Amino acid sequence: MNNVQGAFFSYDEFRQSLHQPPQSARVWTSDKLAAMRESLAGSEVDIVALAHDNSLEGCKLTPGVAVSMQWLKPGAVLNGHAHGWWHLFVIQAGSGLLTMGEDDEVRASTGDVLLVPAWTRHGFVNTSATESMAMLNMSNMPQLALLSSMATAVS
């Protein structure tokens, strides 16, 4: 029974624990991203998670949010799928089609911003024969992972 015993802190101590130091600014230069992408040349999936430091915990750039760079090779198809987190895609280079649901297709090109709500079936097609489609991808995947861990701990 001792392993379930809780602890107590004064309200003032609790409030002080909420004051975390601000996160430091970070820069991911295009040459370093290009080098990272080059290292993935033989991989099926060209996705790099951006992080504050060399830890998986560092992948949470802001609380509950992950950011990654994703490249689709010329002619590549990312089949439609759905999941519980949302995406916000910013097309950095190239063009293609975003498929949503069963019928909707949206042409996407450099500068476009695409919101895919949670549980919306989505996929991409790079329609270029020569240029990769580069996307900055933001999602609330860490937030959902935390909620899932909490639910598992309770059940």
C-alpha atoms as a PDB file:
ATOM      1  CA  MET A   1       0.000   0.000   0.000  1.00  0.00           C
ATOM      2  CA  ASN A   2       2.971   2.368   0.496  1.00  0.00           C
ATOM      3  CA  ASN A   3       3.574   2.665  -3.261  1.00  0.00           C
ATOM      4  CA  VAL A   4       0.250   4.489  -3.721  1.00  0.00           C
ATOM      5  CA  GLN A   5       0.705   6.991  -0.917  1.00  0.00           C
ATOM      6  CA  GLY A   6       0.598  10.555  -2.211  1.00  0.00           C
ATOM      7  CA  ALA A   7       2.652  13.542  -1.139  1.00  0.00           C
ATOM      8  CA  PHE A   8       1.677  17.056  -0.078  1.00  0.00           C
ATOM      9  CA  PHE A   9       3.009  20.476  -0.969  1.00  0.00           C
ATOM     10  CA  SER A  10       1.814  23.902   0.013  1.00  0.00           C
ATOM     11  CA  TYR A  11      -0.080  25.824  -2.627  1.00  0.00           C
ATOM     12  CA  ASP A  12       2.764  28.360  -2.785  1.00  0.00           C
ATOM     13  CA  GLU A  13       5.297  25.583  -3.504  1.00  0.00           C
ATOM     14  CA  PHE A  14       3.008  24.169  -6.181  1.00  0.00           C
ATOM     15  CA  ARG A  15       2.651  27.590  -7.835  1.00  0.00           C
ATOM     16  CA  GLN A  16       6.440  28.069  -7.761  1.00  0.00           C
ATOM     17  CA  SER A  17       6.876  24.685  -9.505  1.00  0.00           C
ATOM     18  CA  LEU A  18       4.848  26.017 -12.449  1.00  0.00           C
ATOM     19  CA  HIS A  19       7.456  28.682 -13.185  1.00  0.00           C
ATOM     20  CA  GLN A  20       9.707  26.950 -15.675  1.00  0.00           C
ATOM     21  CA  PRO A  21      12.549  28.760 -17.381  1.00  0.00           C
ATOM     22  CA  PRO A  22      11.594  29.862 -20.887  1.00  0.00           C
ATOM     23  CA  GLN A  23      12.829  27.726 -23.738  1.00  0.00           C
ATOM     24  CA  SER A  24      15.752  29.090 -25.689  1.00  0.00           C
ATOM     25  CA  ALA A  25      15.403  30.197 -29.271  1.00  0.00           C
ATOM     26  CA  ARG A  26      16.604  27.668 -31.849  1.00  0.00           C
ATOM     27  CA  VAL A  27      17.587  27.821 -35.516  1.00  0.00           C
ATOM     28  CA  TRP A  28      17.671  24.932 -37.969  1.00  0.00           C
ATOM     29  CA  THR A  29      19.660  26.140 -40.961  1.00  0.00           C
ATOM     30  CA  SER A  30      18.839  25.051 -44.475  1.00  0.00           C
ATOM     31  CA  ASP A  31      22.302  23.549 -44.971  1.00  0.00           C
ATOM     32  CA  LYS A  32      21.975  21.363 -41.860  1.00  0.00           C
ATOM     33  CA  LEU A  33      18.461  20.296 -42.917  1.00  0.00           C
ATOM     34  CA  ALA A  34      19.804  19.488 -46.383  1.00  0.00           C
ATOM     35  CA  ALA A  35      22.601  17.392 -44.873  1.00  0.00           C
ATOM     36  CA  MET A  36      20.118  15.547 -42.664  1.00  0.00           C
ATOM     37  CA  ARG A  37      17.890  14.917 -45.643  1.00  0.00           C
ATOM     38  CA  GLU A  38      20.863  13.649 -47.648  1.00  0.00           C
ATOM     39  CA  SER A  39      21.565  11.128 -44.882  1.00  0.00           C
ATOM     40  CA  LEU A  40      18.033   9.781 -45.421  1.00  0.00           C
ATOM     41  CA  ALA A  41      18.513   9.283 -49.174  1.00  0.00           C
ATOM     42  CA  GLY A  42      18.080   5.504 -48.978  1.00  0.00           C
ATOM     43  CA  SER A  43      15.068   5.721 -46.679  1.00  0.00           C
ATOM     44  CA  GLU A  44      11.446   5.251 -47.711  1.00  0.00           C
ATOM     45  CA  VAL A  45      10.384   8.183 -45.557  1.00  0.00           C
ATOM     46  CA  ASP A  46      12.160  11.527 -45.543  1.00  0.00           C
ATOM     47  CA  ILE A  47      10.920  13.023 -42.259  1.00  0.00           C
ATOM     48  CA  VAL A  48      13.091  14.764 -39.681  1.00  0.00           C
ATOM     49  CA  ALA A  49      11.739  15.812 -36.292  1.00  0.00           C
ATOM     50  CA  LEU A  50      13.094  19.158 -35.130  1.00  0.00           C
ATOM     51  CA  ALA A  51      14.324  19.214 -31.531  1.00  0.00           C
ATOM     52  CA  HIS A  52      15.731  21.627 -28.940  1.00  0.00           C
ATOM     53  CA  ASP A  53      18.556  19.246 -28.109  1.00  0.00           C
ATOM     54  CA  ASN A  54      19.794  15.712 -28.722  1.00  0.00           C
ATOM     55  CA  SER A  55      16.973  14.034 -26.822  1.00  0.00           C
ATOM     56  CA  LEU A  56      13.570  12.733 -27.775  1.00  0.00           C
ATOM     57  CA  GLU A  57      12.111  14.959 -25.068  1.00  0.00           C
ATOM     58  CA  GLY A  58      13.628  17.867 -27.007  1.00  0.00           C
ATOM     59  CA  CYS A  59      11.264  17.075 -29.912  1.00  0.00           C
ATOM     60  CA  LYS A  60       8.473  18.863 -28.064  1.00  0.00           C
ATOM     61  CA  LEU A  61       9.345  22.326 -29.320  1.00  0.00           C
ATOM     62  CA  THR A  62       6.483  23.903 -27.443  1.00  0.00           C
ATOM     63  CA  PRO A  63       4.279  22.129 -24.916  1.00  0.00           C
ATOM     64  CA  GLY A  64       2.293  19.399 -26.657  1.00  0.00           C
ATOM     65  CA  VAL A  65       3.451  20.289 -30.186  1.00  0.00           C
ATOM     66  CA  ALA A  66       5.916  18.568 -32.527  1.00  0.00           C
ATOM     67  CA  VAL A  67       7.471  20.098 -35.641  1.00  0.00           C
ATOM     68  CA  SER A  68       9.105  18.203 -38.466  1.00  0.00           C
ATOM     69  CA  MET A  69      10.334  18.644 -42.007  1.00  0.00           C
ATOM     70  CA  GLN A  70       8.955  16.157 -44.483  1.00  0.00           C
ATOM     71  CA  TRP A  71      10.011  15.627 -48.087  1.00  0.00           C
ATOM     72  CA  LEU A  72       8.134  13.629 -50.709  1.00  0.00           C
ATOM     73  CA  LYS A  73      10.323  12.468 -53.561  1.00  0.00           C
ATOM     74  CA  PRO A  74       9.197  13.234 -57.138  1.00  0.00           C
ATOM     75  CA  GLY A  75       6.166  11.106 -57.991  1.00  0.00           C
ATOM     76  CA  ALA A  76       5.866   9.767 -54.425  1.00  0.00           C
ATOM     77  CA  VAL A  77       2.491   8.883 -52.931  1.00  0.00           C
ATOM     78  CA  LEU A  78       1.764   8.986 -49.211  1.00  0.00           C
ATOM     79  CA  ASN A  79      -1.360   6.850 -48.939  1.00  0.00           C
ATOM     80  CA  GLY A  80      -4.406   8.167 -47.154  1.00  0.00           C
ATOM     81  CA  HIS A  81      -4.573   7.543 -43.430  1.00  0.00           C
ATOM     82  CA  ALA A  82      -6.273   8.996 -40.350  1.00  0.00           C
ATOM     83  CA  HIS A  83      -5.210   9.436 -36.729  1.00  0.00           C
ATOM     84  CA  GLY A  84      -6.149  11.344 -33.595  1.00  0.00           C
ATOM     85  CA  TRP A  85      -3.807  14.306 -33.997  1.00  0.00           C
ATOM     86  CA  TRP A  86      -4.114  17.337 -36.242  1.00  0.00           C
ATOM     87  CA  HIS A  87      -1.515  18.548 -38.737  1.00  0.00           C
ATOM     88  CA  LEU A  88      -0.675  21.994 -39.990  1.00  0.00           C
ATOM     89  CA  PHE A  89       1.434  21.734 -43.151  1.00  0.00           C
ATOM     90  CA  VAL A  90       3.307  24.657 -44.710  1.00  0.00           C
ATOM     91  CA  ILE A  91       4.494  23.802 -48.216  1.00  0.00           C
ATOM     92  CA  GLN A  92       8.106  24.995 -48.478  1.00  0.00           C
ATOM     93  CA  ALA A  93       8.936  23.784 -52.000  1.00  0.00           C
ATOM     94  CA  GLY A  94       7.369  21.818 -54.821  1.00  0.00           C
ATOM     95  CA  SER A  95       3.737  21.015 -55.436  1.00  0.00           C
ATOM     96  CA  GLY A  96       1.287  18.177 -55.305  1.00  0.00           C
ATOM     97  CA  LEU A  97      -2.120  17.052 -54.197  1.00  0.00           C
ATOM     98  CA  LEU A  98      -3.478  16.708 -50.685  1.00  0.00           C
ATOM     99  CA  THR A  99      -6.250  14.156 -50.575  1.00  0.00           C
ATOM    100  CA  MET A 100      -8.809  14.544 -47.799  1.00  0.00           C
ATOM    101  CA  GLY A 101     -11.633  12.174 -47.105  1.00  0.00           C
ATOM    102  CA  GLU A 102     -12.638   9.935 -49.971  1.00  0.00           C
ATOM    103  CA  ASP A 103     -13.212  12.511 -52.696  1.00  0.00           C
ATOM    104  CA  ASP A 104     -11.619  15.860 -51.901  1.00  0.00           C
ATOM    105  CA  GLU A 105      -8.318  16.761 -53.554  1.00  0.00           C
ATOM    106  CA  VAL A 106      -6.591  20.066 -52.970  1.00  0.00           C
ATOM    107  CA  ARG A 107      -3.724  21.282 -55.143  1.00  0.00           C
ATOM    108  CA  ALA A 108      -0.910  22.489 -52.893  1.00  0.00           C
ATOM    109  CA  SER A 109       2.210  24.437 -53.832  1.00  0.00           C
ATOM    110  CA  THR A 110       4.965  26.548 -52.288  1.00  0.00           C
ATOM    111  CA  GLY A 111       3.604  28.931 -49.655  1.00  0.00           C
ATOM    112  CA  ASP A 112       0.300  27.119 -49.100  1.00  0.00           C
ATOM    113  CA  VAL A 113      -0.799  26.289 -45.556  1.00  0.00           C
ATOM    114  CA  LEU A 114      -2.981  23.209 -45.027  1.00  0.00           C
ATOM    115  CA  LEU A 115      -4.881  22.274 -41.864  1.00  0.00           C
ATOM    116  CA  VAL A 116      -5.846  18.611 -41.485  1.00  0.00           C
ATOM    117  CA  PRO A 117      -8.140  18.169 -38.444  1.00  0.00           C
ATOM    118  CA  ALA A 118      -7.816  15.094 -36.229  1.00  0.00           C
ATOM    119  CA  TRP A 119      -9.431  11.929 -37.627  1.00  0.00           C
ATOM    120  CA  THR A 120      -9.551  13.381 -41.171  1.00  0.00           C
ATOM    121  CA  ARG A 121      -8.340  10.866 -43.746  1.00  0.00           C
ATOM    122  CA  HIS A 122      -5.467  12.484 -45.669  1.00  0.00           C
ATOM    123  CA  GLY A 123      -2.569  11.701 -47.967  1.00  0.00           C
ATOM    124  CA  PHE A 124      -0.217  13.402 -50.403  1.00  0.00           C
ATOM    125  CA  VAL A 125       0.848  12.919 -53.991  1.00  0.00           C
ATOM    126  CA  ASN A 126       3.919  14.727 -55.304  1.00  0.00           C
ATOM    127  CA  THR A 127       2.826  15.478 -58.863  1.00  0.00           C
ATOM    128  CA  SER A 128       6.279  16.621 -60.004  1.00  0.00           C
ATOM    129  CA  ALA A 129       8.564  14.264 -61.909  1.00  0.00           C
ATOM    130  CA  THR A 130      11.662  16.257 -60.932  1.00  0.00           C
ATOM    131  CA  GLU A 131      11.178  18.271 -57.722  1.00  0.00           C
ATOM    132  CA  SER A 132      10.708  17.054 -54.160  1.00  0.00           C
ATOM    133  CA  MET A 133       7.783  18.447 -52.196  1.00  0.00           C
ATOM    134  CA  ALA A 134       9.046  19.909 -48.912  1.00  0.00           C
ATOM    135  CA  MET A 135       6.617  20.482 -46.040  1.00  0.00           C
ATOM    136  CA  LEU A 136       6.965  21.930 -42.572  1.00  0.00           C
ATOM    137  CA  ASN A 137       4.648  19.786 -40.450  1.00  0.00           C
ATOM    138  CA  MET A 138       3.275  20.793 -37.038  1.00  0.00           C
ATOM    139  CA  SER A 139       1.087  18.492 -34.958  1.00  0.00           C
ATOM    140  CA  ASN A 140      -0.218  17.886 -31.458  1.00  0.00           C
ATOM    141  CA  MET A 141       1.074  14.295 -31.426  1.00  0.00           C
ATOM    142  CA  PRO A 142       3.035  14.768 -28.130  1.00  0.00           C
ATOM    143  CA  GLN A 143      -0.095  16.091 -26.427  1.00  0.00           C
ATOM    144  CA  LEU A 144      -2.072  13.007 -27.452  1.00  0.00           C
ATOM    145  CA  ALA A 145       0.758  10.694 -26.427  1.00  0.00           C
ATOM    146  CA  LEU A 146       0.731  12.285 -22.978  1.00  0.00           C
ATOM    147  CA  LEU A 147      -3.040  11.911 -22.706  1.00  0.00           C
ATOM    148  CA  SER A 148      -2.766   8.289 -23.828  1.00  0.00           C
ATOM    149  CA  SER A 149      -0.102   7.618 -21.182  1.00  0.00           C
ATOM    150  CA  MET A 150      -2.322   9.184 -18.557  1.00  0.00           C
ATOM    151  CA  ALA A 151      -5.275   7.038 -19.632  1.00  0.00           C
ATOM    152  CA  THR A 152      -3.126   3.891 -19.536  1.00  0.00           C
ATOM    153  CA  ALA A 153      -1.881   4.761 -16.058  1.00  0.00           C
ATOM    154  CA  VAL A 154      -5.455   5.213 -14.804  1.00  0.00           C
ATOM    155  CA  SER A 155      -6.855   1.998 -16.275  1.00  0.00           C
END
